[in-house]
């Protein structure tokens, strides 16, 4: 699957194609982002595992009627301990959704609506947005490494001297690392994630 990432006209079409949230976006409403908190007992561990990413996303998926849809925008990822908060914003900068995932609960907030909750963050996103980002896998794939919870096939970058991944296949996903940040910066710059069933194509650009 291939689609234009940052063409201005494509961004507008993608935003309109985000049918689950279109009416909310057009109304100009926005959700205020929330920063996860930790108890004193977990502060030390949370500090060790705190990560934040900011970037752009493009998602190509099939809706419940089998019609191909595109969604584009920006994202902010905040990971503190075992809690991940993901904020999705449209190309105009308005917050479309805030997803919070922890081991005990997942919540999703939309503009002018009561927060929704479920045990499974993927099912919650699928039912509400029409697609589900692999939040649990991304916690590791963005590092970049395979998640420890299941078997994975990792192909190393032959042009790298530090053994960084070129591709990871895990849990039905193929994760292609297209670019890493230029030194002295470190980390992933561009990554594509593809799943065949149900079809889902995710492109991420991380701003270092």
C-alpha atoms as a PDB file:
ATOM      1  CA  UNK A   1       0.000   0.000   0.000  1.00  0.00           C
ATOM      2  CA  UNK A   2       1.260   3.501  -0.781  1.00  0.00           C
ATOM      3  CA  UNK A   3      -0.198   6.940  -0.319  1.00  0.00           C
ATOM      4  CA  UNK A   4       1.046  10.526  -0.287  1.00  0.00           C
ATOM      5  CA  UNK A   5       2.089  11.584   3.188  1.00  0.00           C
ATOM      6  CA  UNK A   6       2.354  15.333   3.477  1.00  0.00           C
ATOM      7  CA  UNK A   7       0.778  16.786   0.356  1.00  0.00           C
ATOM      8  CA  UNK A   8      -1.534  19.618   1.447  1.00  0.00           C
ATOM      9  CA  UNK A   9      -4.520  18.464  -0.608  1.00  0.00           C
ATOM     10  CA  UNK A  10      -4.057  14.929   0.649  1.00  0.00           C
ATOM     11  CA  UNK A  11      -4.059  16.153   4.223  1.00  0.00           C
ATOM     12  CA  UNK A  12      -7.394  17.839   3.694  1.00  0.00           C
ATOM     13  CA  UNK A  13      -8.888  14.769   2.011  1.00  0.00           C
ATOM     14  CA  UNK A  14      -7.520  12.560   4.764  1.00  0.00           C
ATOM     15  CA  UNK A  15      -9.012  14.719   7.485  1.00  0.00           C
ATOM     16  CA  UNK A  16     -12.399  14.618   5.772  1.00  0.00           C
ATOM     17  CA  UNK A  17     -12.055  10.864   5.351  1.00  0.00           C
ATOM     18  CA  UNK A  18     -11.750  10.424   9.097  1.00  0.00           C
ATOM     19  CA  UNK A  19     -15.494   9.780   9.279  1.00  0.00           C
ATOM     20  CA  UNK A  20     -15.639   8.759  12.925  1.00  0.00           C
ATOM     21  CA  UNK A  21     -14.482  12.226  13.981  1.00  0.00           C
ATOM     22  CA  UNK A  22     -15.407  14.535  11.095  1.00  0.00           C
ATOM     23  CA  UNK A  23     -18.437  16.140  12.672  1.00  0.00           C
ATOM     24  CA  UNK A  24     -16.524  16.812  15.860  1.00  0.00           C
ATOM     25  CA  UNK A  25     -13.611  18.362  14.010  1.00  0.00           C
ATOM     26  CA  UNK A  26     -15.813  20.626  11.891  1.00  0.00           C
ATOM     27  CA  UNK A  27     -17.524  21.885  15.006  1.00  0.00           C
ATOM     28  CA  UNK A  28     -14.166  23.292  16.158  1.00  0.00           C
ATOM     29  CA  UNK A  29     -14.273  21.450  19.479  1.00  0.00           C
ATOM     30  CA  UNK A  30     -11.105  20.140  21.039  1.00  0.00           C
ATOM     31  CA  UNK A  31     -10.101  17.897  23.907  1.00  0.00           C
ATOM     32  CA  UNK A  32      -7.638  19.254  26.433  1.00  0.00           C
ATOM     33  CA  UNK A  33      -4.642  16.924  26.750  1.00  0.00           C
ATOM     34  CA  UNK A  34      -3.996  15.294  30.104  1.00  0.00           C
ATOM     35  CA  UNK A  35      -0.615  14.321  31.458  1.00  0.00           C
ATOM     36  CA  UNK A  36      -0.513  10.971  33.292  1.00  0.00           C
ATOM     37  CA  UNK A  37       0.489  11.082  36.937  1.00  0.00           C
ATOM     38  CA  UNK A  38       2.230   8.527  39.105  1.00  0.00           C
ATOM     39  CA  UNK A  39       2.131   7.707  42.803  1.00  0.00           C
ATOM     40  CA  UNK A  40       5.176   8.284  44.988  1.00  0.00           C
ATOM     41  CA  UNK A  41       5.826   4.550  45.126  1.00  0.00           C
ATOM     42  CA  UNK A  42       6.094   4.318  41.347  1.00  0.00           C
ATOM     43  CA  UNK A  43       7.938   7.574  40.694  1.00  0.00           C
ATOM     44  CA  UNK A  44      11.391   5.995  40.577  1.00  0.00           C
ATOM     45  CA  UNK A  45      10.384   3.309  38.088  1.00  0.00           C
ATOM     46  CA  UNK A  46       8.340   5.752  36.013  1.00  0.00           C
ATOM     47  CA  UNK A  47      11.314   8.091  35.727  1.00  0.00           C
ATOM     48  CA  UNK A  48      13.454   5.295  34.370  1.00  0.00           C
ATOM     49  CA  UNK A  49      10.928   4.428  31.658  1.00  0.00           C
ATOM     50  CA  UNK A  50       9.662   7.892  30.749  1.00  0.00           C
ATOM     51  CA  UNK A  51       9.638   8.586  27.000  1.00  0.00           C
ATOM     52  CA  UNK A  52       8.026  11.211  24.805  1.00  0.00           C
ATOM     53  CA  UNK A  53       7.623  11.401  21.030  1.00  0.00           C
ATOM     54  CA  UNK A  54       6.180  14.059  18.767  1.00  0.00           C
ATOM     55  CA  UNK A  55       5.557  13.623  15.072  1.00  0.00           C
ATOM     56  CA  UNK A  56       3.195  13.072  12.185  1.00  0.00           C
ATOM     57  CA  UNK A  57       1.074  10.095  11.237  1.00  0.00           C
ATOM     58  CA  UNK A  58      -0.759   8.794   8.186  1.00  0.00           C
ATOM     59  CA  UNK A  59      -3.119   5.840   8.492  1.00  0.00           C
ATOM     60  CA  UNK A  60      -4.789   3.913   5.683  1.00  0.00           C
ATOM     61  CA  UNK A  61      -7.536   1.525   6.782  1.00  0.00           C
ATOM     62  CA  UNK A  62     -10.839  -0.032   5.734  1.00  0.00           C
ATOM     63  CA  UNK A  63     -13.996   1.108   7.491  1.00  0.00           C
ATOM     64  CA  UNK A  64     -16.793  -1.216   8.619  1.00  0.00           C
ATOM     65  CA  UNK A  65     -18.196  -1.216   5.080  1.00  0.00           C
ATOM     66  CA  UNK A  66     -14.882  -2.170   3.526  1.00  0.00           C
ATOM     67  CA  UNK A  67     -14.290   1.314   2.086  1.00  0.00           C
ATOM     68  CA  UNK A  68     -10.680   2.484   2.178  1.00  0.00           C
ATOM     69  CA  UNK A  69     -10.126   5.548   4.368  1.00  0.00           C
ATOM     70  CA  UNK A  70      -7.158   7.773   5.117  1.00  0.00           C
ATOM     71  CA  UNK A  71      -6.406   9.707   8.291  1.00  0.00           C
ATOM     72  CA  UNK A  72      -3.595  12.242   8.653  1.00  0.00           C
ATOM     73  CA  UNK A  73      -2.323  14.525  11.353  1.00  0.00           C
ATOM     74  CA  UNK A  74       0.090  15.007  14.223  1.00  0.00           C
ATOM     75  CA  UNK A  75       0.586  13.024  17.386  1.00  0.00           C
ATOM     76  CA  UNK A  76       2.091  13.377  20.843  1.00  0.00           C
ATOM     77  CA  UNK A  77       3.124  10.253  22.730  1.00  0.00           C
ATOM     78  CA  UNK A  78       3.843  10.376  26.466  1.00  0.00           C
ATOM     79  CA  UNK A  79       4.988   7.190  28.180  1.00  0.00           C
ATOM     80  CA  UNK A  80       5.404   7.166  31.954  1.00  0.00           C
ATOM     81  CA  UNK A  81       6.034   3.790  33.539  1.00  0.00           C
ATOM     82  CA  UNK A  82       3.331   1.426  32.268  1.00  0.00           C
ATOM     83  CA  UNK A  83       1.008   4.250  31.190  1.00  0.00           C
ATOM     84  CA  UNK A  84       0.887   5.611  27.636  1.00  0.00           C
ATOM     85  CA  UNK A  85      -1.042   8.729  26.658  1.00  0.00           C
ATOM     86  CA  UNK A  86      -1.459   9.279  22.920  1.00  0.00           C
ATOM     87  CA  UNK A  87      -2.924  12.520  21.596  1.00  0.00           C
ATOM     88  CA  UNK A  88      -4.032  12.628  17.941  1.00  0.00           C
ATOM     89  CA  UNK A  89      -4.511  16.023  16.269  1.00  0.00           C
ATOM     90  CA  UNK A  90      -5.815  16.899  12.823  1.00  0.00           C
ATOM     91  CA  UNK A  91      -3.714  18.926  10.327  1.00  0.00           C
ATOM     92  CA  UNK A  92      -5.272  22.128  11.687  1.00  0.00           C
ATOM     93  CA  UNK A  93      -3.945  21.360  15.166  1.00  0.00           C
ATOM     94  CA  UNK A  94      -7.264  20.453  16.802  1.00  0.00           C
ATOM     95  CA  UNK A  95      -7.217  17.469  19.140  1.00  0.00           C
ATOM     96  CA  UNK A  96      -9.242  14.628  17.656  1.00  0.00           C
ATOM     97  CA  UNK A  97      -8.753  12.022  20.350  1.00  0.00           C
ATOM     98  CA  UNK A  98      -6.743  11.262  23.478  1.00  0.00           C
ATOM     99  CA  UNK A  99      -6.030   7.621  24.239  1.00  0.00           C
ATOM    100  CA  UNK A 100      -4.641   6.499  27.596  1.00  0.00           C
ATOM    101  CA  UNK A 101      -3.499   2.919  28.088  1.00  0.00           C
ATOM    102  CA  UNK A 102      -2.417   1.294  31.350  1.00  0.00           C
ATOM    103  CA  UNK A 103      -2.251  -2.345  32.465  1.00  0.00           C
ATOM    104  CA  UNK A 104      -5.610  -2.075  34.250  1.00  0.00           C
ATOM    105  CA  UNK A 105      -7.637   0.250  32.010  1.00  0.00           C
ATOM    106  CA  UNK A 106      -7.808   1.992  28.637  1.00  0.00           C
ATOM    107  CA  UNK A 107      -9.682   5.247  28.098  1.00  0.00           C
ATOM    108  CA  UNK A 108     -10.468   7.300  25.020  1.00  0.00           C
ATOM    109  CA  UNK A 109     -11.656  10.910  24.965  1.00  0.00           C
ATOM    110  CA  UNK A 110     -13.372  12.679  22.074  1.00  0.00           C
ATOM    111  CA  UNK A 111     -14.419  16.337  21.924  1.00  0.00           C
ATOM    112  CA  UNK A 112     -17.614  17.100  23.866  1.00  0.00           C
ATOM    113  CA  UNK A 113     -18.137  13.494  24.899  1.00  0.00           C
ATOM    114  CA  UNK A 114     -17.753  11.570  28.097  1.00  0.00           C
ATOM    115  CA  UNK A 115     -14.556   9.479  28.239  1.00  0.00           C
ATOM    116  CA  UNK A 116     -15.004   5.868  27.182  1.00  0.00           C
ATOM    117  CA  UNK A 117     -13.166   3.010  28.851  1.00  0.00           C
ATOM    118  CA  UNK A 118     -12.401  -0.647  28.204  1.00  0.00           C
ATOM    119  CA  UNK A 119      -9.944  -3.333  29.207  1.00  0.00           C
ATOM    120  CA  UNK A 120      -8.425  -3.496  25.712  1.00  0.00           C
ATOM    121  CA  UNK A 121      -7.012  -0.330  24.121  1.00  0.00           C
ATOM    122  CA  UNK A 122      -6.997  -1.821  20.599  1.00  0.00           C
ATOM    123  CA  UNK A 123     -10.670  -2.758  20.720  1.00  0.00           C
ATOM    124  CA  UNK A 124     -11.545   0.632  22.181  1.00  0.00           C
ATOM    125  CA  UNK A 125      -9.801   2.477  19.334  1.00  0.00           C
ATOM    126  CA  UNK A 126     -11.244   0.167  16.686  1.00  0.00           C
ATOM    127  CA  UNK A 127     -14.806   0.650  17.898  1.00  0.00           C
ATOM    128  CA  UNK A 128     -14.457   4.410  18.254  1.00  0.00           C
ATOM    129  CA  UNK A 129     -12.050   5.596  15.560  1.00  0.00           C
ATOM    130  CA  UNK A 130     -12.387   2.844  12.976  1.00  0.00           C
ATOM    131  CA  UNK A 131      -8.762   1.754  13.335  1.00  0.00           C
ATOM    132  CA  UNK A 132      -6.455   0.751  16.171  1.00  0.00           C
ATOM    133  CA  UNK A 133      -2.829   1.749  16.583  1.00  0.00           C
ATOM    134  CA  UNK A 134      -0.723  -1.033  18.152  1.00  0.00           C
ATOM    135  CA  UNK A 135       0.029   0.926  21.329  1.00  0.00           C
ATOM    136  CA  UNK A 136       1.544  -1.966  23.279  1.00  0.00           C
ATOM    137  CA  UNK A 137       3.847  -2.952  20.431  1.00  0.00           C
ATOM    138  CA  UNK A 138       4.838   0.628  19.679  1.00  0.00           C
ATOM    139  CA  UNK A 139       6.202   1.002  23.203  1.00  0.00           C
ATOM    140  CA  UNK A 140       9.049  -1.273  22.092  1.00  0.00           C
ATOM    141  CA  UNK A 141       9.137  -0.802  18.311  1.00  0.00           C
ATOM    142  CA  UNK A 142       9.862   2.913  18.661  1.00  0.00           C
ATOM    143  CA  UNK A 143      12.928   2.240  20.844  1.00  0.00           C
ATOM    144  CA  UNK A 144      13.586   0.302  18.443  1.00  0.00           C
ATOM    145  CA  UNK A 145      13.346  -3.322  19.556  1.00  0.00           C
ATOM    146  CA  UNK A 146      10.985  -6.281  19.452  1.00  0.00           C
ATOM    147  CA  UNK A 147       8.407  -6.570  22.212  1.00  0.00           C
ATOM    148  CA  UNK A 148       9.359  -9.228  24.789  1.00  0.00           C
ATOM    149  CA  UNK A 149       5.828 -10.667  24.963  1.00  0.00           C
ATOM    150  CA  UNK A 150       5.952 -12.783  21.772  1.00  0.00           C
ATOM    151  CA  UNK A 151       8.283 -14.241  19.181  1.00  0.00           C
ATOM    152  CA  UNK A 152       9.679 -11.852  16.591  1.00  0.00           C
ATOM    153  CA  UNK A 153      11.846 -11.964  13.487  1.00  0.00           C
ATOM    154  CA  UNK A 154      14.376  -9.128  13.391  1.00  0.00           C
ATOM    155  CA  UNK A 155      16.493  -8.146  10.386  1.00  0.00           C
ATOM    156  CA  UNK A 156      19.429  -5.881  11.216  1.00  0.00           C
ATOM    157  CA  UNK A 157      20.474  -2.918   9.088  1.00  0.00           C
ATOM    158  CA  UNK A 158      23.565  -4.065   7.138  1.00  0.00           C
ATOM    159  CA  UNK A 159      24.743  -0.453   6.811  1.00  0.00           C
ATOM    160  CA  UNK A 160      24.682   0.143  10.560  1.00  0.00           C
ATOM    161  CA  UNK A 161      27.648  -0.475  12.843  1.00  0.00           C
ATOM    162  CA  UNK A 162      25.553  -0.618  16.037  1.00  0.00           C
ATOM    163  CA  UNK A 163      23.174  -3.433  15.058  1.00  0.00           C
ATOM    164  CA  UNK A 164      20.014  -1.373  14.777  1.00  0.00           C
ATOM    165  CA  UNK A 165      16.941  -3.056  13.215  1.00  0.00           C
ATOM    166  CA  UNK A 166      16.007  -2.666   9.585  1.00  0.00           C
ATOM    167  CA  UNK A 167      12.802  -4.709   9.914  1.00  0.00           C
ATOM    168  CA  UNK A 168      10.861  -6.455  12.653  1.00  0.00           C
ATOM    169  CA  UNK A 169       8.031  -8.937  12.077  1.00  0.00           C
ATOM    170  CA  UNK A 170       5.885  -9.552  15.141  1.00  0.00           C
ATOM    171  CA  UNK A 171       2.244 -10.243  16.045  1.00  0.00           C
ATOM    172  CA  UNK A 172       1.111  -9.998  12.416  1.00  0.00           C
ATOM    173  CA  UNK A 173       2.881  -6.659  11.882  1.00  0.00           C
ATOM    174  CA  UNK A 174       5.809  -5.799   9.632  1.00  0.00           C
ATOM    175  CA  UNK A 175       7.730  -2.826  10.992  1.00  0.00           C
ATOM    176  CA  UNK A 176      10.069  -1.200   8.456  1.00  0.00           C
ATOM    177  CA  UNK A 177      12.599   1.320   9.748  1.00  0.00           C
ATOM    178  CA  UNK A 178      13.125   3.718   6.859  1.00  0.00           C
ATOM    179  CA  UNK A 179      15.336   6.315   8.547  1.00  0.00           C
ATOM    180  CA  UNK A 180      17.121   7.061  11.789  1.00  0.00           C
ATOM    181  CA  UNK A 181      18.000  10.477  13.191  1.00  0.00           C
ATOM    182  CA  UNK A 182      21.308  11.970  12.099  1.00  0.00           C
ATOM    183  CA  UNK A 183      24.059  12.183  14.719  1.00  0.00           C
ATOM    184  CA  UNK A 184      24.380  13.556  17.314  1.00  0.00           C
ATOM    185  CA  UNK A 185      20.633  12.862  17.641  1.00  0.00           C
ATOM    186  CA  UNK A 186      19.560   9.239  18.120  1.00  0.00           C
ATOM    187  CA  UNK A 187      16.418   7.194  17.611  1.00  0.00           C
ATOM    188  CA  UNK A 188      13.935   6.368  14.877  1.00  0.00           C
ATOM    189  CA  UNK A 189      13.052   9.049  12.336  1.00  0.00           C
ATOM    190  CA  UNK A 190      10.689   7.305   9.906  1.00  0.00           C
ATOM    191  CA  UNK A 191       8.917   3.980  10.368  1.00  0.00           C
ATOM    192  CA  UNK A 192       6.155   2.167   8.479  1.00  0.00           C
ATOM    193  CA  UNK A 193       3.922  -0.468  10.062  1.00  0.00           C
ATOM    194  CA  UNK A 194       1.799  -2.782   7.924  1.00  0.00           C
ATOM    195  CA  UNK A 195      -0.701  -5.471   8.867  1.00  0.00           C
ATOM    196  CA  UNK A 196      -2.528  -7.591   6.312  1.00  0.00           C
ATOM    197  CA  UNK A 197      -5.557  -8.742   8.316  1.00  0.00           C
ATOM    198  CA  UNK A 198      -7.452  -6.599   8.847  1.00  0.00           C
ATOM    199  CA  UNK A 199      -5.603  -4.278   6.441  1.00  0.00           C
ATOM    200  CA  UNK A 200      -3.865  -1.383   8.155  1.00  0.00           C
ATOM    201  CA  UNK A 201      -0.994   0.784   6.933  1.00  0.00           C
ATOM    202  CA  UNK A 202       0.608   3.256   9.363  1.00  0.00           C
ATOM    203  CA  UNK A 203       3.356   5.745   8.505  1.00  0.00           C
ATOM    204  CA  UNK A 204       5.087   7.645  11.295  1.00  0.00           C
ATOM    205  CA  UNK A 205       7.602  10.487  11.160  1.00  0.00           C
ATOM    206  CA  UNK A 206       9.179  11.330  14.509  1.00  0.00           C
ATOM    207  CA  UNK A 207      10.508  14.830  15.086  1.00  0.00           C
ATOM    208  CA  UNK A 208      13.626  14.576  17.214  1.00  0.00           C
END
